[in-house]
Amino acid sequence: MKKKIYTQNEIDKELENLDDFESDGIFTDIDGNIRDTEKEIEAYEQELLDGKVNFRMNKADILRCKRIASKKGLRYQAYIRSIVKQAMDLDEVG
């Protein structure tokens, strides 16, 4: 099969066709679908995290968590969740 070589005029014409295609609202619909899907994913993630726990910590320990989490590129709440999970995993096995 021989490859077709396109001229600059043919490429420009195709680009114009794409502009016309976009103005039909197709891409707007796709963008809307993507946003809807992102919202559904966020809602699902929130369902997974809907359990809440409140506890008090020494202020120095909170600052320590924040410092360590920052070094790891995490939010400190996510860091605390991860270390609690790690501790549970170790306790469950041991």
Protein backbone atom coordinates (compact mmCIF):
# COMPACT_ATOMS: atom_id res chain seq x y z
CA MET A 1 0.00 0.00 0.00
CA LYS A 2 1.41 3.33 -1.05
CA LYS A 3 1.36 6.24 1.43
CA LYS A 4 -0.38 9.38 0.28
CA ILE A 5 1.66 12.53 0.55
CA TYR A 6 -0.45 15.58 1.34
CA THR A 7 0.24 19.05 0.02
CA GLN A 8 0.09 22.08 2.28
CA ASN A 9 -3.15 23.14 0.55
CA GLU A 10 -4.75 19.77 1.33
CA ILE A 11 -3.66 20.02 4.96
CA ASP A 12 -5.03 23.57 5.22
CA LYS A 13 -8.33 22.42 3.71
CA GLU A 14 -8.61 19.58 6.25
CA LEU A 15 -7.91 22.02 9.08
CA GLU A 16 -10.67 24.30 7.81
CA ASN A 17 -13.02 21.30 7.78
CA LEU A 18 -12.09 20.58 11.39
CA ASP A 19 -12.90 24.16 12.34
CA ASP A 20 -16.31 23.79 10.69
CA PHE A 21 -16.78 20.46 12.46
CA GLU A 22 -15.98 21.98 15.84
CA SER A 23 -18.47 24.78 15.31
CA ASP A 24 -21.21 22.17 15.02
CA GLY A 25 -21.04 21.74 18.79
CA ILE A 26 -19.67 18.20 18.69
CA PHE A 27 -16.60 19.11 20.73
CA THR A 28 -18.76 21.02 23.16
CA ASP A 29 -20.78 17.85 23.71
CA ILE A 30 -17.61 15.83 24.23
CA ASP A 31 -16.27 18.41 26.71
CA GLY A 32 -19.59 18.25 28.56
CA ASN A 33 -19.42 14.46 28.68
CA ILE A 34 -15.88 14.61 30.03
CA ARG A 35 -16.94 17.06 32.74
CA ASP A 36 -19.92 14.85 33.63
CA THR A 37 -17.66 11.80 33.86
CA GLU A 38 -15.17 13.70 36.03
CA LYS A 39 -18.03 14.68 38.37
CA GLU A 40 -19.16 11.05 38.56
CA ILE A 41 -15.63 9.94 39.42
CA GLU A 42 -15.37 12.61 42.13
CA ALA A 43 -18.72 11.50 43.57
CA TYR A 44 -17.59 7.85 43.57
CA GLU A 45 -14.31 8.76 45.26
CA GLN A 46 -16.24 10.72 47.87
CA GLU A 47 -18.44 7.66 48.52
CA LEU A 48 -15.29 5.65 49.16
CA LEU A 49 -14.12 8.28 51.64
CA ASP A 50 -17.44 9.00 53.29
CA GLY A 51 -16.45 7.55 56.68
CA LYS A 52 -15.18 10.26 58.97
CA VAL A 53 -12.96 10.02 62.03
CA ASN A 54 -12.16 12.89 64.35
CA PHE A 55 -9.41 12.74 66.92
CA ARG A 56 -7.13 15.12 68.73
CA MET A 57 -3.40 15.23 68.17
CA ASN A 58 -0.60 17.07 69.83
CA LYS A 59 0.08 20.26 67.84
CA ALA A 60 3.75 19.32 67.47
CA ASP A 61 2.74 15.96 65.93
CA ILE A 62 0.39 17.70 63.51
CA LEU A 63 3.17 20.05 62.42
CA ARG A 64 5.47 17.04 62.08
CA CYS A 65 2.88 15.26 59.89
CA LYS A 66 2.52 18.36 57.74
CA ARG A 67 6.29 18.65 57.32
CA ILE A 68 6.73 14.98 56.38
CA ALA A 69 3.69 15.01 54.09
CA SER A 70 5.02 18.09 52.32
CA LYS A 71 8.33 16.31 51.67
CA LYS A 72 6.40 13.39 50.18
CA GLY A 73 4.20 15.70 48.09
CA LEU A 74 1.03 14.73 49.96
CA ARG A 75 -1.65 16.59 51.85
CA TYR A 76 -1.19 15.92 55.53
CA GLN A 77 -4.63 14.27 55.89
CA ALA A 78 -3.72 11.83 53.12
CA TYR A 79 -0.39 11.19 54.83
CA ILE A 80 -2.11 10.46 58.16
CA ARG A 81 -4.54 8.09 56.38
CA SER A 82 -1.62 6.26 54.79
CA ILE A 83 0.31 5.79 58.03
CA VAL A 84 -2.81 4.61 59.87
CA LYS A 85 -3.46 2.09 57.09
CA GLN A 86 0.18 0.91 57.18
CA ALA A 87 -0.05 0.42 60.93
CA MET A 88 -3.30 -1.54 60.57
CA ASP A 89 -1.77 -3.72 57.86
CA LEU A 90 1.22 -4.49 60.09
CA ASP A 91 -1.00 -5.23 63.10
CA GLU A 92 -3.28 -7.45 61.05
CA VAL A 93 -0.38 -9.61 59.83
CA GLY A 94 1.60 -9.64 63.08
